[in-house]
Amino acid sequence: MNTFRDNGLYEIIYEKRNFTFLQFVRMDTICDICYVTLKNPVTGEMFSFDKSKINDIHFRQEFTFV
């Protein structure tokens, strides 16, 4: 699952819940658990997901800041 890019939007299915329009922030390993942090750039919400519990991930689109 090393598919994260710095300039794209993702859709994540995590524990049967759908999260859309997320931007990759970082990955951290704490006590042997890898966490993926993503941010919704529209609402400003931050989400941290246990990487092993992500059911599916889709790269939606690349974007550039003007």
PDB file of N, CA and C in Angstrom:
ATOM      1  N   MET A   1       0.831  -1.193   0.000  1.00  0.00           N
ATOM      2  CA  MET A   1       0.000   0.000   0.000  1.00  0.00           C
ATOM      3  C   MET A   1       0.872   1.251   0.000  1.00  0.00           C
ATOM      4  N   ASN A   2       1.979   1.209  -0.651  1.00  0.00           N
ATOM      5  CA  ASN A   2       2.830   2.386  -0.757  1.00  0.00           C
ATOM      6  C   ASN A   2       2.433   3.203  -1.970  1.00  0.00           C
ATOM      7  N   THR A   3       1.156   3.520  -2.094  1.00  0.00           N
ATOM      8  CA  THR A   3       0.649   4.213  -3.267  1.00  0.00           C
ATOM      9  C   THR A   3       0.389   5.687  -3.018  1.00  0.00           C
ATOM     10  N   PHE A   4       0.742   6.193  -1.862  1.00  0.00           N
ATOM     11  CA  PHE A   4       0.418   7.575  -1.534  1.00  0.00           C
ATOM     12  C   PHE A   4       1.331   8.544  -2.268  1.00  0.00           C
ATOM     13  N   ARG A   5       0.736   9.578  -2.811  1.00  0.00           N
ATOM     14  CA  ARG A   5       1.457  10.664  -3.470  1.00  0.00           C
ATOM     15  C   ARG A   5       1.144  11.949  -2.712  1.00  0.00           C
ATOM     16  N   ASP A   6       2.030  12.923  -2.812  1.00  0.00           N
ATOM     17  CA  ASP A   6       1.840  14.171  -2.081  1.00  0.00           C
ATOM     18  C   ASP A   6       0.798  15.090  -2.697  1.00  0.00           C
ATOM     19  N   ASN A   7       0.506  14.925  -3.975  1.00  0.00           N
ATOM     20  CA  ASN A   7      -0.383  15.884  -4.631  1.00  0.00           C
ATOM     21  C   ASN A   7      -1.599  15.204  -5.250  1.00  0.00           C
ATOM     22  N   GLY A   8      -2.374  14.522  -4.432  1.00  0.00           N
ATOM     23  CA  GLY A   8      -3.555  13.863  -4.955  1.00  0.00           C
ATOM     24  C   GLY A   8      -4.642  13.726  -3.914  1.00  0.00           C
ATOM     25  N   LEU A   9      -5.814  13.371  -4.384  1.00  0.00           N
ATOM     26  CA  LEU A   9      -6.950  13.140  -3.502  1.00  0.00           C
ATOM     27  C   LEU A   9      -7.299  11.664  -3.516  1.00  0.00           C
ATOM     28  N   TYR A  10      -7.665  11.145  -2.358  1.00  0.00           N
ATOM     29  CA  TYR A  10      -7.928   9.733  -2.184  1.00  0.00           C
ATOM     30  C   TYR A  10      -9.319   9.492  -1.639  1.00  0.00           C
ATOM     31  N   GLU A  11      -9.793   8.274  -1.881  1.00  0.00           N
ATOM     32  CA  GLU A  11     -11.000   7.770  -1.248  1.00  0.00           C
ATOM     33  C   GLU A  11     -10.584   6.530  -0.471  1.00  0.00           C
ATOM     34  N   ILE A  12     -10.959   6.477   0.800  1.00  0.00           N
ATOM     35  CA  ILE A  12     -10.569   5.381   1.690  1.00  0.00           C
ATOM     36  C   ILE A  12     -11.837   4.677   2.177  1.00  0.00           C
ATOM     37  N   ILE A  13     -11.806   3.355   2.176  1.00  0.00           N
ATOM     38  CA  ILE A  13     -12.847   2.574   2.840  1.00  0.00           C
ATOM     39  C   ILE A  13     -12.180   1.954   4.062  1.00  0.00           C
ATOM     40  N   TYR A  14     -12.649   2.365   5.227  1.00  0.00           N
ATOM     41  CA  TYR A  14     -12.039   1.995   6.502  1.00  0.00           C
ATOM     42  C   TYR A  14     -13.125   1.481   7.428  1.00  0.00           C
ATOM     43  N   GLU A  15     -13.007   0.218   7.806  1.00  0.00           N
ATOM     44  CA  GLU A  15     -13.992  -0.416   8.683  1.00  0.00           C
ATOM     45  C   GLU A  15     -15.424  -0.157   8.204  1.00  0.00           C
ATOM     46  N   LYS A  16     -15.656  -0.399   6.915  1.00  0.00           N
ATOM     47  CA  LYS A  16     -16.964  -0.293   6.255  1.00  0.00           C
ATOM     48  C   LYS A  16     -17.500   1.139   6.185  1.00  0.00           C
ATOM     49  N   ARG A  17     -16.645   2.148   6.393  1.00  0.00           N
ATOM     50  CA  ARG A  17     -17.038   3.556   6.238  1.00  0.00           C
ATOM     51  C   ARG A  17     -16.248   4.155   5.096  1.00  0.00           C
ATOM     52  N   ASN A  18     -16.873   5.036   4.349  1.00  0.00           N
ATOM     53  CA  ASN A  18     -16.263   5.649   3.188  1.00  0.00           C
ATOM     54  C   ASN A  18     -15.820   7.084   3.512  1.00  0.00           C
ATOM     55  N   PHE A  19     -14.573   7.395   3.239  1.00  0.00           N
ATOM     56  CA  PHE A  19     -14.021   8.741   3.430  1.00  0.00           C
ATOM     57  C   PHE A  19     -13.511   9.216   2.076  1.00  0.00           C
ATOM     58  N   THR A  20     -13.938  10.396   1.644  1.00  0.00           N
ATOM     59  CA  THR A  20     -13.580  10.881   0.309  1.00  0.00           C
ATOM     60  C   THR A  20     -12.848  12.215   0.376  1.00  0.00           C
ATOM     61  N   PHE A  21     -12.221  12.575  -0.725  1.00  0.00           N
ATOM     62  CA  PHE A  21     -11.509  13.837  -0.904  1.00  0.00           C
ATOM     63  C   PHE A  21     -10.443  14.058   0.170  1.00  0.00           C
ATOM     64  N   LEU A  22      -9.596  13.067   0.360  1.00  0.00           N
ATOM     65  CA  LEU A  22      -8.555  13.145   1.377  1.00  0.00           C
ATOM     66  C   LEU A  22      -7.187  13.322   0.734  1.00  0.00           C
ATOM     67  N   GLN A  23      -6.378  14.131   1.377  1.00  0.00           N
ATOM     68  CA  GLN A  23      -5.023  14.435   0.920  1.00  0.00           C
ATOM     69  C   GLN A  23      -4.037  13.803   1.896  1.00  0.00           C
ATOM     70  N   PHE A  24      -3.021  13.125   1.356  1.00  0.00           N
ATOM     71  CA  PHE A  24      -2.012  12.474   2.188  1.00  0.00           C
ATOM     72  C   PHE A  24      -1.219  13.506   2.987  1.00  0.00           C
ATOM     73  N   VAL A  25      -1.029  13.231   4.287  1.00  0.00           N
ATOM     74  CA  VAL A  25      -0.232  14.101   5.156  1.00  0.00           C
ATOM     75  C   VAL A  25       1.049  13.376   5.564  1.00  0.00           C
ATOM     76  N   ARG A  26       0.915  12.205   6.219  1.00  0.00           N
ATOM     77  CA  ARG A  26       2.102  11.473   6.657  1.00  0.00           C
ATOM     78  C   ARG A  26       1.746  10.065   7.123  1.00  0.00           C
ATOM     79  N   MET A  27       2.800   9.261   7.315  1.00  0.00           N
ATOM     80  CA  MET A  27       2.673   7.928   7.911  1.00  0.00           C
ATOM     81  C   MET A  27       3.540   7.888   9.150  1.00  0.00           C
ATOM     82  N   ASP A  28       3.022   7.292  10.213  1.00  0.00           N
ATOM     83  CA  ASP A  28       3.750   7.155  11.474  1.00  0.00           C
ATOM     84  C   ASP A  28       3.645   5.711  11.946  1.00  0.00           C
ATOM     85  N   THR A  29       4.680   5.243  12.628  1.00  0.00           N
ATOM     86  CA  THR A  29       4.633   3.934  13.268  1.00  0.00           C
ATOM     87  C   THR A  29       4.774   4.144  14.767  1.00  0.00           C
ATOM     88  N   ILE A  30       3.739   3.694  15.491  1.00  0.00           N
ATOM     89  CA  ILE A  30       3.701   3.823  16.945  1.00  0.00           C
ATOM     90  C   ILE A  30       3.384   2.444  17.508  1.00  0.00           C
ATOM     91  N   CYS A  31       4.266   1.916  18.335  1.00  0.00           N
ATOM     92  CA  CYS A  31       4.087   0.587  18.946  1.00  0.00           C
ATOM     93  C   CYS A  31       3.771  -0.467  17.887  1.00  0.00           C
ATOM     94  N   ASP A  32       4.565  -0.498  16.834  1.00  0.00           N
ATOM     95  CA  ASP A  32       4.449  -1.468  15.745  1.00  0.00           C
ATOM     96  C   ASP A  32       3.147  -1.377  14.952  1.00  0.00           C
ATOM     97  N   ILE A  33       2.406  -0.295  15.082  1.00  0.00           N
ATOM     98  CA  ILE A  33       1.199  -0.069  14.290  1.00  0.00           C
ATOM     99  C   ILE A  33       1.457   1.123  13.378  1.00  0.00           C
ATOM    100  N   CYS A  34       1.221   0.934  12.084  1.00  0.00           N
ATOM    101  CA  CYS A  34       1.436   2.001  11.106  1.00  0.00           C
ATOM    102  C   CYS A  34       0.133   2.785  10.934  1.00  0.00           C
ATOM    103  N   TYR A  35       0.217   4.079  11.147  1.00  0.00           N
ATOM    104  CA  TYR A  35      -0.930   4.969  10.994  1.00  0.00           C
ATOM    105  C   TYR A  35      -0.719   5.863   9.784  1.00  0.00           C
ATOM    106  N   VAL A  36      -1.785   6.052   9.010  1.00  0.00           N
ATOM    107  CA  VAL A  36      -1.774   6.948   7.855  1.00  0.00           C
ATOM    108  C   VAL A  36      -2.642   8.139   8.209  1.00  0.00           C
ATOM    109  N   THR A  37      -2.092   9.342   8.092  1.00  0.00           N
ATOM    110  CA  THR A  37      -2.845  10.555   8.381  1.00  0.00           C
ATOM    111  C   THR A  37      -3.181  11.246   7.076  1.00  0.00           C
ATOM    112  N   LEU A  38      -4.472  11.553   6.917  1.00  0.00           N
ATOM    113  CA  LEU A  38      -4.957  12.241   5.731  1.00  0.00           C
ATOM    114  C   LEU A  38      -5.819  13.419   6.161  1.00  0.00           C
ATOM    115  N   LYS A  39      -5.938  14.401   5.272  1.00  0.00           N
ATOM    116  CA  LYS A  39      -6.675  15.620   5.587  1.00  0.00           C
ATOM    117  C   LYS A  39      -7.658  15.919   4.469  1.00  0.00           C
ATOM    118  N   ASN A  40      -8.851  16.357   4.847  1.00  0.00           N
ATOM    119  CA  ASN A  40      -9.807  16.856   3.872  1.00  0.00           C
ATOM    120  C   ASN A  40      -9.495  18.336   3.686  1.00  0.00           C
ATOM    121  N   PRO A  41      -8.958  18.739   2.513  1.00  0.00           N
ATOM    122  CA  PRO A  41      -8.541  20.132   2.337  1.00  0.00           C
ATOM    123  C   PRO A  41      -9.703  21.114   2.269  1.00  0.00           C
ATOM    124  N   VAL A  42     -10.909  20.630   2.054  1.00  0.00           N
ATOM    125  CA  VAL A  42     -12.078  21.508   1.989  1.00  0.00           C
ATOM    126  C   VAL A  42     -12.566  21.856   3.387  1.00  0.00           C
ATOM    127  N   THR A  43     -12.707  20.838   4.250  1.00  0.00           N
ATOM    128  CA  THR A  43     -13.244  21.067   5.591  1.00  0.00           C
ATOM    129  C   THR A  43     -12.161  21.265   6.645  1.00  0.00           C
ATOM    130  N   GLY A  44     -10.920  20.833   6.333  1.00  0.00           N
ATOM    131  CA  GLY A  44      -9.829  20.936   7.290  1.00  0.00           C
ATOM    132  C   GLY A  44      -9.765  19.777   8.278  1.00  0.00           C
ATOM    133  N   GLU A  45     -10.681  18.813   8.174  1.00  0.00           N
ATOM    134  CA  GLU A  45     -10.680  17.661   9.080  1.00  0.00           C
ATOM    135  C   GLU A  45      -9.463  16.788   8.830  1.00  0.00           C
ATOM    136  N   MET A  46      -8.865  16.287   9.926  1.00  0.00           N
ATOM    137  CA  MET A  46      -7.727  15.374   9.867  1.00  0.00           C
ATOM    138  C   MET A  46      -8.190  14.006  10.342  1.00  0.00           C
ATOM    139  N   PHE A  47      -7.718  12.958   9.656  1.00  0.00           N
ATOM    140  CA  PHE A  47      -8.065  11.586   9.990  1.00  0.00           C
ATOM    141  C   PHE A  47      -6.798  10.762  10.076  1.00  0.00           C
ATOM    142  N   SER A  48      -6.694   9.934  11.109  1.00  0.00           N
ATOM    143  CA  SER A  48      -5.601   8.961  11.225  1.00  0.00           C
ATOM    144  C   SER A  48      -6.206   7.573  11.169  1.00  0.00           C
ATOM    145  N   PHE A  49      -5.675   6.749  10.264  1.00  0.00           N
ATOM    146  CA  PHE A  49      -6.191   5.403  10.050  1.00  0.00           C
ATOM    147  C   PHE A  49      -5.113   4.381  10.367  1.00  0.00           C
ATOM    148  N   ASP A  50      -5.502   3.294  11.024  1.00  0.00           N
ATOM    149  CA  ASP A  50      -4.622   2.147  11.195  1.00  0.00           C
ATOM    150  C   ASP A  50      -4.488   1.508   9.814  1.00  0.00           C
ATOM    151  N   LYS A  51      -3.292   1.480   9.282  1.00  0.00           N
ATOM    152  CA  LYS A  51      -3.067   1.015   7.909  1.00  0.00           C
ATOM    153  C   LYS A  51      -3.587  -0.401   7.690  1.00  0.00           C
ATOM    154  N   SER A  52      -3.490  -1.269   8.689  1.00  0.00           N
ATOM    155  CA  SER A  52      -3.932  -2.658   8.540  1.00  0.00           C
ATOM    156  C   SER A  52      -5.451  -2.782   8.468  1.00  0.00           C
ATOM    157  N   LYS A  53      -6.188  -1.748   8.872  1.00  0.00           N
ATOM    158  CA  LYS A  53      -7.649  -1.794   8.851  1.00  0.00           C
ATOM    159  C   LYS A  53      -8.260  -1.073   7.656  1.00  0.00           C
ATOM    160  N   ILE A  54      -7.423  -0.548   6.760  1.00  0.00           N
ATOM    161  CA  ILE A  54      -7.942   0.077   5.546  1.00  0.00           C
ATOM    162  C   ILE A  54      -8.361  -1.032   4.595  1.00  0.00           C
ATOM    163  N   ASN A  55      -9.643  -1.059   4.254  1.00  0.00           N
ATOM    164  CA  ASN A  55     -10.178  -2.098   3.381  1.00  0.00           C
ATOM    165  C   ASN A  55      -9.845  -1.835   1.912  1.00  0.00           C
ATOM    166  N   ASP A  56      -9.892  -0.581   1.496  1.00  0.00           N
ATOM    167  CA  ASP A  56      -9.633  -0.245   0.098  1.00  0.00           C
ATOM    168  C   ASP A  56      -9.222   1.217   0.009  1.00  0.00           C
ATOM    169  N   ILE A  57      -8.430   1.509  -1.009  1.00  0.00           N
ATOM    170  CA  ILE A  57      -7.984   2.881  -1.231  1.00  0.00           C
ATOM    171  C   ILE A  57      -7.965   3.147  -2.728  1.00  0.00           C
ATOM    172  N   HIS A  58      -8.466   4.308  -3.112  1.00  0.00           N
ATOM    173  CA  HIS A  58      -8.511   4.691  -4.520  1.00  0.00           C
ATOM    174  C   HIS A  58      -7.907   6.080  -4.671  1.00  0.00           C
ATOM    175  N   PHE A  59      -7.004   6.206  -5.630  1.00  0.00           N
ATOM    176  CA  PHE A  59      -6.464   7.521  -5.979  1.00  0.00           C
ATOM    177  C   PHE A  59      -7.471   8.167  -6.905  1.00  0.00           C
ATOM    178  N   ARG A  60      -7.974   9.342  -6.568  1.00  0.00           N
ATOM    179  CA  ARG A  60      -9.027   9.981  -7.347  1.00  0.00           C
ATOM    180  C   ARG A  60      -8.487  10.946  -8.403  1.00  0.00           C
ATOM    181  N   GLN A  61      -7.637  11.858  -8.017  1.00  0.00           N
ATOM    182  CA  GLN A  61      -7.134  12.823  -8.988  1.00  0.00           C
ATOM    183  C   GLN A  61      -5.943  13.574  -8.422  1.00  0.00           C
ATOM    184  N   GLU A  62      -5.117  14.070  -9.319  1.00  0.00           N
ATOM    185  CA  GLU A  62      -4.031  14.947  -8.914  1.00  0.00           C
ATOM    186  C   GLU A  62      -4.523  16.371  -8.986  1.00  0.00           C
ATOM    187  N   PHE A  63      -3.923  17.238  -8.197  1.00  0.00           N
ATOM    188  CA  PHE A  63      -4.293  18.646  -8.256  1.00  0.00           C
ATOM    189  C   PHE A  63      -3.045  19.486  -8.042  1.00  0.00           C
ATOM    190  N   THR A  64      -3.119  20.707  -8.489  1.00  0.00           N
ATOM    191  CA  THR A  64      -2.024  21.645  -8.290  1.00  0.00           C
ATOM    192  C   THR A  64      -2.602  22.924  -7.697  1.00  0.00           C
ATOM    193  N   PHE A  65      -1.801  23.582  -6.883  1.00  0.00           N
ATOM    194  CA  PHE A  65      -2.223  24.855  -6.316  1.00  0.00           C
ATOM    195  C   PHE A  65      -1.857  25.963  -7.284  1.00  0.00           C
ATOM    196  N   VAL A  66      -2.780  26.869  -7.516  1.00  0.00           N
ATOM    197  CA  VAL A  66      -2.546  27.972  -8.460  1.00  0.00           C
ATOM    198  C   VAL A  66      -2.190  29.217  -7.695  1.00  0.00           C
TER     199      VAL A  66
END
